[in-house]
N, C-alpha and C. Protein backbone atom coordinates (compact mmCIF):
# COMPACT_ATOMS: atom_id res chain seq x y z
N MET A 1 0.84 -1.17 0.00
CA MET A 1 0.00 0.00 0.00
C MET A 1 0.88 1.24 0.00
N LYS A 2 0.61 2.14 -0.89
CA LYS A 2 1.37 3.36 -1.03
C LYS A 2 0.76 4.43 -0.12
N PRO A 3 1.60 5.09 0.74
CA PRO A 3 1.04 6.12 1.61
C PRO A 3 0.50 7.29 0.80
N ASN A 4 -0.59 7.84 1.27
CA ASN A 4 -1.15 9.04 0.66
C ASN A 4 -1.52 10.02 1.76
N ARG A 5 -2.03 11.15 1.36
CA ARG A 5 -2.33 12.19 2.34
C ARG A 5 -3.38 11.76 3.35
N THR A 6 -4.27 10.92 2.99
CA THR A 6 -5.33 10.53 3.93
C THR A 6 -4.83 9.53 4.96
N THR A 7 -3.80 8.75 4.65
CA THR A 7 -3.29 7.77 5.62
C THR A 7 -2.05 8.27 6.34
N ALA A 8 -1.29 9.19 5.75
CA ALA A 8 -0.04 9.64 6.35
C ALA A 8 -0.26 10.31 7.70
N GLY A 9 -1.24 11.16 7.83
CA GLY A 9 -1.51 11.86 9.09
C GLY A 9 -1.85 10.91 10.22
N PRO A 10 -2.85 10.03 10.04
CA PRO A 10 -3.20 9.11 11.13
C PRO A 10 -2.07 8.14 11.47
N VAL A 11 -1.33 7.67 10.48
CA VAL A 11 -0.22 6.75 10.74
C VAL A 11 0.87 7.47 11.54
N THR A 12 1.22 8.68 11.16
CA THR A 12 2.22 9.45 11.89
C THR A 12 1.77 9.71 13.32
N LEU A 13 0.51 10.08 13.50
CA LEU A 13 -0.03 10.32 14.83
C LEU A 13 0.01 9.05 15.68
N ALA A 14 -0.34 7.92 15.10
CA ALA A 14 -0.30 6.64 15.82
C ALA A 14 1.12 6.29 16.24
N LEU A 15 2.09 6.50 15.36
CA LEU A 15 3.48 6.22 15.69
C LEU A 15 3.99 7.13 16.81
N LEU A 16 3.65 8.40 16.76
CA LEU A 16 4.05 9.33 17.81
C LEU A 16 3.44 8.97 19.16
N LEU A 17 2.18 8.61 19.15
CA LEU A 17 1.52 8.21 20.40
C LEU A 17 2.11 6.91 20.95
N ALA A 18 2.46 6.00 20.08
CA ALA A 18 3.06 4.74 20.52
C ALA A 18 4.45 4.96 21.10
N ALA A 19 5.18 5.95 20.60
CA ALA A 19 6.53 6.22 21.07
C ALA A 19 6.54 6.93 22.42
N GLN A 20 5.47 7.63 22.79
CA GLN A 20 5.44 8.39 24.03
C GLN A 20 5.69 7.54 25.27
N PRO A 21 5.01 6.38 25.45
CA PRO A 21 5.29 5.59 26.65
C PRO A 21 6.73 5.09 26.70
N VAL A 22 7.32 4.77 25.56
CA VAL A 22 8.70 4.31 25.54
C VAL A 22 9.63 5.43 25.98
N ALA A 23 9.42 6.64 25.45
CA ALA A 23 10.26 7.78 25.82
C ALA A 23 10.07 8.12 27.30
N ALA A 24 8.85 8.11 27.78
CA ALA A 24 8.59 8.42 29.19
C ALA A 24 9.20 7.34 30.08
N HIS A 25 9.11 6.10 29.68
CA HIS A 25 9.67 4.98 30.45
C HIS A 25 11.19 5.12 30.55
N THR A 26 11.83 5.45 29.44
CA THR A 26 13.28 5.62 29.42
C THR A 26 13.70 6.79 30.29
N LEU A 27 13.01 7.93 30.15
CA LEU A 27 13.33 9.11 30.94
C LEU A 27 13.12 8.84 32.42
N SER A 28 12.06 8.15 32.77
CA SER A 28 11.79 7.80 34.16
C SER A 28 12.88 6.89 34.71
N SER A 29 13.33 5.94 33.92
CA SER A 29 14.37 5.02 34.37
C SER A 29 15.69 5.75 34.60
N VAL A 30 16.05 6.63 33.67
CA VAL A 30 17.29 7.39 33.82
C VAL A 30 17.22 8.29 35.05
N SER A 31 16.10 8.99 35.23
CA SER A 31 15.98 9.89 36.37
C SER A 31 15.97 9.13 37.69
N SER A 32 15.36 7.95 37.71
CA SER A 32 15.40 7.11 38.92
C SER A 32 16.83 6.70 39.24
N GLY A 33 17.56 6.31 38.20
CA GLY A 33 18.96 5.93 38.39
C GLY A 33 19.82 7.09 38.82
N LEU A 34 19.61 8.26 38.22
CA LEU A 34 20.37 9.45 38.59
C LEU A 34 20.14 9.83 40.05
N ALA A 35 18.90 9.70 40.49
CA ALA A 35 18.54 10.11 41.86
C ALA A 35 19.03 9.13 42.92
N HIS A 36 19.08 7.85 42.57
CA HIS A 36 19.30 6.82 43.59
C HIS A 36 20.55 7.03 44.45
N PRO A 37 21.73 7.31 43.89
CA PRO A 37 22.90 7.49 44.77
C PRO A 37 22.76 8.68 45.72
N PHE A 38 21.96 9.68 45.34
CA PHE A 38 21.81 10.86 46.18
C PHE A 38 20.80 10.65 47.31
N LEU A 39 20.09 9.53 47.30
CA LEU A 39 19.05 9.28 48.29
C LEU A 39 19.59 8.68 49.59
N GLY A 40 20.84 8.24 49.58
CA GLY A 40 21.43 7.67 50.78
C GLY A 40 22.73 8.37 51.11
N ILE A 41 22.84 8.92 52.30
CA ILE A 41 24.05 9.63 52.70
C ILE A 41 25.27 8.71 52.66
N ASP A 42 25.05 7.42 52.91
CA ASP A 42 26.17 6.47 52.86
C ASP A 42 26.74 6.37 51.45
N HIS A 43 25.87 6.35 50.44
CA HIS A 43 26.34 6.31 49.06
C HIS A 43 27.07 7.60 48.70
N VAL A 44 26.48 8.73 49.06
CA VAL A 44 27.08 10.03 48.74
C VAL A 44 28.47 10.14 49.35
N LEU A 45 28.60 9.83 50.63
CA LEU A 45 29.88 9.97 51.31
C LEU A 45 30.94 9.04 50.72
N ALA A 46 30.56 7.79 50.45
CA ALA A 46 31.53 6.84 49.89
C ALA A 46 32.01 7.28 48.51
N MET A 47 31.10 7.76 47.69
CA MET A 47 31.47 8.14 46.32
C MET A 47 32.29 9.42 46.31
N LEU A 48 31.98 10.36 47.21
CA LEU A 48 32.83 11.54 47.35
C LEU A 48 34.22 11.14 47.83
N ALA A 49 34.28 10.18 48.75
CA ALA A 49 35.56 9.72 49.29
C ALA A 49 36.43 9.09 48.20
N VAL A 50 35.82 8.37 47.28
CA VAL A 50 36.60 7.76 46.20
C VAL A 50 37.31 8.85 45.40
N GLY A 51 36.59 9.90 45.04
CA GLY A 51 37.21 11.00 44.29
C GLY A 51 38.28 11.71 45.09
N LEU A 52 38.02 11.93 46.37
CA LEU A 52 38.98 12.60 47.25
C LEU A 52 40.25 11.77 47.39
N TRP A 53 40.10 10.46 47.61
CA TRP A 53 41.26 9.59 47.77
C TRP A 53 42.06 9.50 46.47
N ALA A 54 41.37 9.47 45.34
CA ALA A 54 42.05 9.40 44.05
C ALA A 54 42.95 10.62 43.85
N VAL A 55 42.49 11.79 44.25
CA VAL A 55 43.31 13.00 44.15
C VAL A 55 44.49 12.92 45.10
N GLN A 56 44.23 12.44 46.30
CA GLN A 56 45.31 12.32 47.28
C GLN A 56 46.40 11.36 46.79
N LEU A 57 45.99 10.27 46.14
CA LEU A 57 46.96 9.30 45.62
C LEU A 57 47.70 9.86 44.41
N GLY A 58 46.99 10.58 43.57
CA GLY A 58 47.59 11.20 42.41
C GLY A 58 47.96 10.21 41.31
N GLY A 59 48.62 10.70 40.29
CA GLY A 59 49.07 9.88 39.17
C GLY A 59 47.91 9.18 38.47
N SER A 60 48.15 7.96 38.06
CA SER A 60 47.11 7.22 37.33
C SER A 60 45.95 6.80 38.23
N ALA A 61 46.15 6.86 39.55
CA ALA A 61 45.06 6.54 40.47
C ALA A 61 43.91 7.53 40.31
N LEU A 62 44.22 8.70 39.80
CA LEU A 62 43.19 9.72 39.62
C LEU A 62 42.06 9.25 38.72
N TRP A 63 42.35 8.41 37.75
CA TRP A 63 41.29 7.88 36.89
C TRP A 63 41.06 6.39 37.12
N LYS A 64 42.08 5.65 37.54
CA LYS A 64 41.91 4.20 37.72
C LYS A 64 41.00 3.86 38.90
N VAL A 65 41.15 4.57 39.98
CA VAL A 65 40.37 4.27 41.19
C VAL A 65 38.88 4.53 40.96
N PRO A 66 38.49 5.70 40.46
CA PRO A 66 37.05 5.90 40.19
C PRO A 66 36.51 4.95 39.11
N LEU A 67 37.32 4.67 38.09
CA LEU A 67 36.87 3.76 37.04
C LEU A 67 36.62 2.36 37.59
N ALA A 68 37.50 1.90 38.46
CA ALA A 68 37.31 0.58 39.09
C ALA A 68 36.02 0.56 39.90
N PHE A 69 35.74 1.67 40.58
CA PHE A 69 34.51 1.74 41.37
C PHE A 69 33.28 1.64 40.48
N VAL A 70 33.24 2.43 39.42
CA VAL A 70 32.06 2.46 38.54
C VAL A 70 31.87 1.11 37.85
N PHE A 71 32.94 0.53 37.36
CA PHE A 71 32.85 -0.76 36.68
C PHE A 71 32.30 -1.84 37.62
N THR A 72 32.85 -1.90 38.83
CA THR A 72 32.40 -2.90 39.79
C THR A 72 31.01 -2.59 40.32
N LEU A 73 30.67 -1.33 40.40
CA LEU A 73 29.32 -0.91 40.78
C LEU A 73 28.29 -1.53 39.84
N LEU A 74 28.58 -1.50 38.55
CA LEU A 74 27.65 -2.06 37.56
C LEU A 74 27.56 -3.58 37.69
N ILE A 75 28.66 -4.24 38.00
CA ILE A 75 28.62 -5.69 38.23
C ILE A 75 27.75 -5.99 39.45
N GLY A 76 27.95 -5.22 40.52
CA GLY A 76 27.14 -5.40 41.72
C GLY A 76 25.66 -5.16 41.45
N ALA A 77 25.36 -4.17 40.61
CA ALA A 77 23.96 -3.89 40.27
C ALA A 77 23.35 -5.08 39.54
N TRP A 78 24.10 -5.66 38.63
CA TRP A 78 23.61 -6.82 37.90
C TRP A 78 23.31 -7.97 38.87
N ILE A 79 24.19 -8.19 39.82
CA ILE A 79 23.96 -9.25 40.83
C ILE A 79 22.71 -8.92 41.63
N GLY A 80 22.54 -7.66 42.01
CA GLY A 80 21.36 -7.25 42.76
C GLY A 80 20.08 -7.44 41.98
N MET A 81 20.12 -7.21 40.69
CA MET A 81 18.93 -7.36 39.86
C MET A 81 18.55 -8.83 39.66
N THR A 82 19.52 -9.71 39.78
CA THR A 82 19.21 -11.13 39.61
C THR A 82 18.52 -11.72 40.82
N GLY A 83 18.56 -11.00 41.93
CA GLY A 83 17.90 -11.48 43.13
C GLY A 83 18.74 -12.41 43.99
N VAL A 84 20.02 -12.57 43.65
CA VAL A 84 20.91 -13.39 44.46
C VAL A 84 21.05 -12.72 45.83
N PRO A 85 20.76 -13.45 46.91
CA PRO A 85 20.87 -12.82 48.23
C PRO A 85 22.33 -12.60 48.64
N VAL A 86 22.62 -11.42 49.12
CA VAL A 86 23.94 -11.08 49.63
C VAL A 86 23.76 -10.51 51.03
N PRO A 87 24.38 -11.15 52.03
CA PRO A 87 24.19 -10.68 53.41
C PRO A 87 25.04 -9.44 53.72
N TYR A 88 24.61 -8.71 54.71
CA TYR A 88 25.35 -7.59 55.30
C TYR A 88 25.65 -6.44 54.34
N VAL A 89 24.80 -6.24 53.35
CA VAL A 89 25.06 -5.20 52.36
C VAL A 89 25.13 -3.82 53.01
N GLU A 90 24.15 -3.48 53.83
CA GLU A 90 24.13 -2.15 54.45
C GLU A 90 25.32 -1.95 55.38
N ALA A 91 25.70 -2.99 56.12
CA ALA A 91 26.86 -2.89 57.01
C ALA A 91 28.14 -2.66 56.20
N LEU A 92 28.27 -3.34 55.08
CA LEU A 92 29.47 -3.19 54.25
C LEU A 92 29.50 -1.84 53.54
N ILE A 93 28.34 -1.29 53.23
CA ILE A 93 28.30 0.06 52.66
C ILE A 93 28.74 1.08 53.71
N ALA A 94 28.24 0.95 54.94
CA ALA A 94 28.68 1.84 56.03
C ALA A 94 30.17 1.66 56.29
N LEU A 95 30.63 0.43 56.26
CA LEU A 95 32.05 0.15 56.46
C LEU A 95 32.90 0.80 55.37
N SER A 96 32.35 0.90 54.16
CA SER A 96 33.10 1.53 53.07
C SER A 96 33.39 3.00 53.38
N VAL A 97 32.44 3.69 53.97
CA VAL A 97 32.66 5.09 54.34
C VAL A 97 33.74 5.19 55.40
N LEU A 98 33.69 4.30 56.38
CA LEU A 98 34.70 4.27 57.45
C LEU A 98 36.08 3.99 56.89
N VAL A 99 36.22 2.94 56.09
CA VAL A 99 37.53 2.54 55.57
C VAL A 99 38.09 3.58 54.60
N LEU A 100 37.25 4.07 53.70
CA LEU A 100 37.73 5.09 52.75
C LEU A 100 38.11 6.37 53.48
N GLY A 101 37.34 6.72 54.51
CA GLY A 101 37.71 7.88 55.33
C GLY A 101 39.05 7.69 56.01
N LEU A 102 39.28 6.49 56.54
CA LEU A 102 40.58 6.20 57.16
C LEU A 102 41.71 6.23 56.13
N ALA A 103 41.44 5.71 54.94
CA ALA A 103 42.45 5.72 53.88
C ALA A 103 42.90 7.15 53.58
N ILE A 104 41.95 8.07 53.58
CA ILE A 104 42.27 9.48 53.32
C ILE A 104 42.90 10.11 54.56
N GLY A 105 42.28 9.91 55.71
CA GLY A 105 42.74 10.53 56.95
C GLY A 105 44.12 10.08 57.38
N LEU A 106 44.42 8.80 57.16
CA LEU A 106 45.74 8.27 57.53
C LEU A 106 46.71 8.29 56.36
N HIS A 107 46.26 8.82 55.25
CA HIS A 107 47.06 8.98 54.03
C HIS A 107 47.70 7.66 53.59
N TRP A 108 46.83 6.66 53.40
CA TRP A 108 47.32 5.37 52.91
C TRP A 108 47.84 5.55 51.50
N ARG A 109 49.09 5.27 51.28
CA ARG A 109 49.72 5.44 49.98
C ARG A 109 49.75 4.11 49.24
N LEU A 110 48.58 3.62 48.87
CA LEU A 110 48.50 2.38 48.11
C LEU A 110 48.75 2.68 46.64
N GLY A 111 49.29 1.70 45.93
CA GLY A 111 49.44 1.85 44.49
C GLY A 111 48.08 1.84 43.82
N PRO A 112 48.03 2.26 42.56
CA PRO A 112 46.74 2.33 41.86
C PRO A 112 45.99 1.00 41.82
N LEU A 113 46.72 -0.11 41.66
CA LEU A 113 46.04 -1.40 41.58
C LEU A 113 45.40 -1.76 42.92
N LEU A 114 46.14 -1.66 44.00
CA LEU A 114 45.61 -2.02 45.32
C LEU A 114 44.50 -1.06 45.74
N ALA A 115 44.66 0.22 45.44
CA ALA A 115 43.60 1.20 45.75
C ALA A 115 42.34 0.89 44.93
N SER A 116 42.53 0.52 43.67
CA SER A 116 41.38 0.18 42.82
C SER A 116 40.67 -1.07 43.33
N LEU A 117 41.44 -2.05 43.77
CA LEU A 117 40.83 -3.27 44.33
C LEU A 117 40.07 -2.95 45.63
N THR A 118 40.61 -2.04 46.41
CA THR A 118 39.95 -1.65 47.66
C THR A 118 38.59 -1.01 47.38
N VAL A 119 38.57 -0.02 46.48
CA VAL A 119 37.29 0.63 46.21
C VAL A 119 36.34 -0.31 45.48
N ALA A 120 36.89 -1.18 44.63
CA ALA A 120 36.02 -2.12 43.90
C ALA A 120 35.33 -3.08 44.85
N SER A 121 36.03 -3.50 45.91
CA SER A 121 35.41 -4.43 46.86
C SER A 121 34.19 -3.80 47.52
N PHE A 122 34.24 -2.50 47.76
CA PHE A 122 33.07 -1.82 48.33
C PHE A 122 32.03 -1.47 47.27
N ALA A 123 32.49 -1.14 46.08
CA ALA A 123 31.56 -0.78 44.99
C ALA A 123 30.61 -1.92 44.67
N LEU A 124 31.07 -3.14 44.85
CA LEU A 124 30.21 -4.30 44.59
C LEU A 124 28.94 -4.24 45.44
N PHE A 125 29.08 -3.83 46.69
CA PHE A 125 27.94 -3.76 47.60
C PHE A 125 27.08 -2.52 47.34
N HIS A 126 27.72 -1.41 46.99
CA HIS A 126 26.95 -0.23 46.61
C HIS A 126 26.11 -0.55 45.37
N GLY A 127 26.72 -1.21 44.40
CA GLY A 127 26.00 -1.58 43.19
C GLY A 127 24.89 -2.57 43.47
N TYR A 128 25.16 -3.52 44.35
CA TYR A 128 24.14 -4.50 44.71
C TYR A 128 22.91 -3.78 45.28
N ALA A 129 23.16 -2.81 46.16
CA ALA A 129 22.04 -2.06 46.74
C ALA A 129 21.26 -1.33 45.66
N HIS A 130 21.95 -0.71 44.72
CA HIS A 130 21.27 0.00 43.63
C HIS A 130 20.46 -0.98 42.79
N GLY A 131 21.07 -2.09 42.42
CA GLY A 131 20.40 -3.06 41.55
C GLY A 131 19.23 -3.75 42.21
N SER A 132 19.36 -4.08 43.49
CA SER A 132 18.27 -4.77 44.17
C SER A 132 17.08 -3.85 44.44
N GLU A 133 17.31 -2.53 44.36
CA GLU A 133 16.24 -1.56 44.56
C GLU A 133 15.73 -0.98 43.25
N LEU A 134 15.94 -1.70 42.16
CA LEU A 134 15.46 -1.28 40.84
C LEU A 134 13.96 -1.07 40.91
N PRO A 135 13.48 0.13 40.57
CA PRO A 135 12.03 0.36 40.57
C PRO A 135 11.33 -0.57 39.59
N LEU A 136 10.13 -1.00 39.93
CA LEU A 136 9.39 -1.95 39.09
C LEU A 136 9.21 -1.47 37.66
N ALA A 137 8.98 -0.19 37.47
CA ALA A 137 8.70 0.33 36.14
C ALA A 137 9.98 0.72 35.38
N ALA A 138 11.13 0.59 36.01
CA ALA A 138 12.36 1.07 35.39
C ALA A 138 12.94 0.05 34.41
N ALA A 139 13.54 0.57 33.36
CA ALA A 139 14.29 -0.25 32.41
C ALA A 139 15.70 -0.40 32.98
N PRO A 140 16.16 -1.63 33.17
CA PRO A 140 17.45 -1.85 33.84
C PRO A 140 18.64 -1.11 33.23
N LEU A 141 18.76 -1.11 31.93
CA LEU A 141 19.94 -0.48 31.31
C LEU A 141 19.95 1.03 31.51
N THR A 142 18.82 1.67 31.33
CA THR A 142 18.79 3.12 31.50
C THR A 142 18.88 3.50 32.98
N TYR A 143 18.33 2.69 33.86
CA TYR A 143 18.46 2.91 35.30
C TYR A 143 19.93 2.84 35.70
N CYS A 144 20.63 1.81 35.21
CA CYS A 144 22.06 1.65 35.52
C CYS A 144 22.87 2.80 34.94
N ALA A 145 22.52 3.22 33.74
CA ALA A 145 23.22 4.37 33.14
C ALA A 145 23.04 5.60 34.01
N GLY A 146 21.85 5.78 34.54
CA GLY A 146 21.57 6.93 35.40
C GLY A 146 22.41 6.92 36.66
N PHE A 147 22.46 5.79 37.38
CA PHE A 147 23.23 5.82 38.62
C PHE A 147 24.73 5.77 38.35
N ALA A 148 25.15 5.26 37.20
CA ALA A 148 26.58 5.32 36.85
C ALA A 148 27.00 6.76 36.62
N VAL A 149 26.18 7.53 35.92
CA VAL A 149 26.47 8.94 35.69
C VAL A 149 26.48 9.70 37.02
N ALA A 150 25.51 9.44 37.88
CA ALA A 150 25.46 10.10 39.19
C ALA A 150 26.72 9.77 40.00
N THR A 151 27.17 8.54 39.91
CA THR A 151 28.38 8.13 40.62
C THR A 151 29.60 8.89 40.10
N VAL A 152 29.72 9.01 38.79
CA VAL A 152 30.82 9.76 38.21
C VAL A 152 30.78 11.22 38.66
N VAL A 153 29.58 11.79 38.73
CA VAL A 153 29.44 13.17 39.20
C VAL A 153 29.91 13.29 40.64
N LEU A 154 29.52 12.36 41.49
CA LEU A 154 29.96 12.39 42.89
C LEU A 154 31.47 12.20 43.01
N HIS A 155 32.04 11.30 42.21
CA HIS A 155 33.50 11.14 42.20
C HIS A 155 34.17 12.45 41.79
N ALA A 156 33.63 13.09 40.77
CA ALA A 156 34.20 14.35 40.29
C ALA A 156 34.10 15.45 41.36
N LEU A 157 32.98 15.48 42.08
CA LEU A 157 32.85 16.46 43.17
C LEU A 157 33.86 16.20 44.27
N GLY A 158 34.06 14.92 44.60
CA GLY A 158 35.07 14.57 45.60
C GLY A 158 36.47 14.93 45.13
N ALA A 159 36.75 14.67 43.86
CA ALA A 159 38.06 15.00 43.30
C ALA A 159 38.28 16.51 43.27
N ALA A 160 37.25 17.26 42.88
CA ALA A 160 37.37 18.72 42.84
C ALA A 160 37.60 19.28 44.24
N THR A 161 36.89 18.74 45.21
CA THR A 161 37.08 19.17 46.60
C THR A 161 38.50 18.84 47.06
N GLY A 162 38.93 17.63 46.74
CA GLY A 162 40.29 17.22 47.10
C GLY A 162 41.33 18.11 46.46
N TYR A 163 41.14 18.41 45.19
CA TYR A 163 42.09 19.26 44.49
C TYR A 163 42.15 20.65 45.12
N LEU A 164 40.98 21.21 45.41
CA LEU A 164 40.94 22.55 46.01
C LEU A 164 41.61 22.56 47.37
N LEU A 165 41.32 21.56 48.19
CA LEU A 165 41.91 21.51 49.52
C LEU A 165 43.40 21.17 49.47
N PHE A 166 43.73 20.17 48.66
CA PHE A 166 45.10 19.64 48.63
C PHE A 166 46.05 20.62 47.95
N ALA A 167 45.65 21.09 46.78
CA ALA A 167 46.57 21.90 45.99
C ALA A 167 46.45 23.40 46.26
N ARG A 168 45.26 23.83 46.64
CA ARG A 168 45.04 25.28 46.76
C ARG A 168 45.04 25.79 48.20
N VAL A 169 44.68 24.96 49.15
CA VAL A 169 44.57 25.44 50.52
C VAL A 169 45.69 24.82 51.36
N HIS A 170 45.47 23.59 51.83
CA HIS A 170 46.51 22.90 52.60
C HIS A 170 46.23 21.40 52.59
N PRO A 171 47.23 20.59 52.30
CA PRO A 171 47.02 19.13 52.23
C PRO A 171 46.46 18.52 53.52
N ALA A 172 46.75 19.12 54.65
CA ALA A 172 46.26 18.58 55.92
C ALA A 172 44.74 18.60 55.99
N LEU A 173 44.11 19.53 55.28
CA LEU A 173 42.65 19.60 55.29
C LEU A 173 42.02 18.37 54.64
N VAL A 174 42.71 17.79 53.67
CA VAL A 174 42.21 16.55 53.05
C VAL A 174 42.19 15.45 54.10
N ARG A 175 43.25 15.36 54.88
CA ARG A 175 43.33 14.32 55.92
C ARG A 175 42.28 14.56 57.01
N ILE A 176 42.06 15.79 57.36
CA ILE A 176 41.02 16.11 58.35
C ILE A 176 39.65 15.72 57.80
N GLY A 177 39.41 16.03 56.54
CA GLY A 177 38.16 15.63 55.90
C GLY A 177 38.00 14.12 55.88
N GLY A 178 39.10 13.41 55.65
CA GLY A 178 39.06 11.95 55.68
C GLY A 178 38.67 11.41 57.04
N MET A 179 39.20 12.01 58.08
CA MET A 179 38.84 11.56 59.43
C MET A 179 37.38 11.87 59.72
N GLY A 180 36.88 12.98 59.18
CA GLY A 180 35.45 13.28 59.31
C GLY A 180 34.60 12.23 58.61
N LEU A 181 35.05 11.80 57.42
CA LEU A 181 34.35 10.73 56.71
C LEU A 181 34.39 9.43 57.52
N ALA A 182 35.54 9.13 58.09
CA ALA A 182 35.67 7.91 58.90
C ALA A 182 34.71 7.96 60.08
N GLY A 183 34.63 9.12 60.73
CA GLY A 183 33.69 9.27 61.84
C GLY A 183 32.25 9.09 61.40
N SER A 184 31.92 9.63 60.25
CA SER A 184 30.57 9.45 59.70
C SER A 184 30.29 7.99 59.41
N GLY A 185 31.29 7.30 58.86
CA GLY A 185 31.14 5.86 58.58
C GLY A 185 30.93 5.08 59.84
N LEU A 186 31.65 5.44 60.90
CA LEU A 186 31.47 4.75 62.18
C LEU A 186 30.07 4.97 62.72
N LEU A 187 29.58 6.19 62.62
CA LEU A 187 28.20 6.48 63.08
C LEU A 187 27.18 5.70 62.25
N LEU A 188 27.39 5.65 60.93
CA LEU A 188 26.48 4.88 60.08
C LEU A 188 26.50 3.40 60.46
N PHE A 189 27.69 2.89 60.70
CA PHE A 189 27.84 1.47 61.06
C PHE A 189 27.18 1.18 62.40
N MET A 190 27.36 2.07 63.36
CA MET A 190 26.76 1.85 64.69
C MET A 190 25.25 2.01 64.66
N GLY A 191 24.75 2.77 63.68
CA GLY A 191 23.31 3.00 63.58
C GLY A 191 22.54 1.86 62.94
N LEU A 192 23.22 0.84 62.49
CA LEU A 192 22.54 -0.29 61.85
C LEU A 192 21.90 -1.21 62.85
């Protein structure tokens, strides 16, 4: 059948109306994913700490450490979406804030590989929490893309803060901030 003026309008309208729920579903999934890391102070603090520690370590750790976190976060999300039970997730997330705060506060000078493995071990549980809390109406891929972007933003904010404190003000302030993070992690852990 060859399209003509009488069929082109209704067909175009039908296609546009059919595309609306898909576009709304995708946008909703991305926005849910973007919001999720900001909904828990434990996630925010840990992700800021990753960026801060990466700046403190310097060199290739500046990109390797956050990249390891994001990559492992997505693996953890996939595990969470499958419904595999993982015990002590909230405790390990709180512990991540404590340990990362100590790493900064005590100025642990780990190499990029060991620092990446450290943050990746915690990212698995952060990702699991994100994945297991996937909203029913969300599309998994766009939801994951949303929280991955939010995580990168939080890492960048932590790195920018670290850079400003470390390079522009005084390096000791980074360590003081790390001890504050460690204290927050301890409070989160005790509050479970």
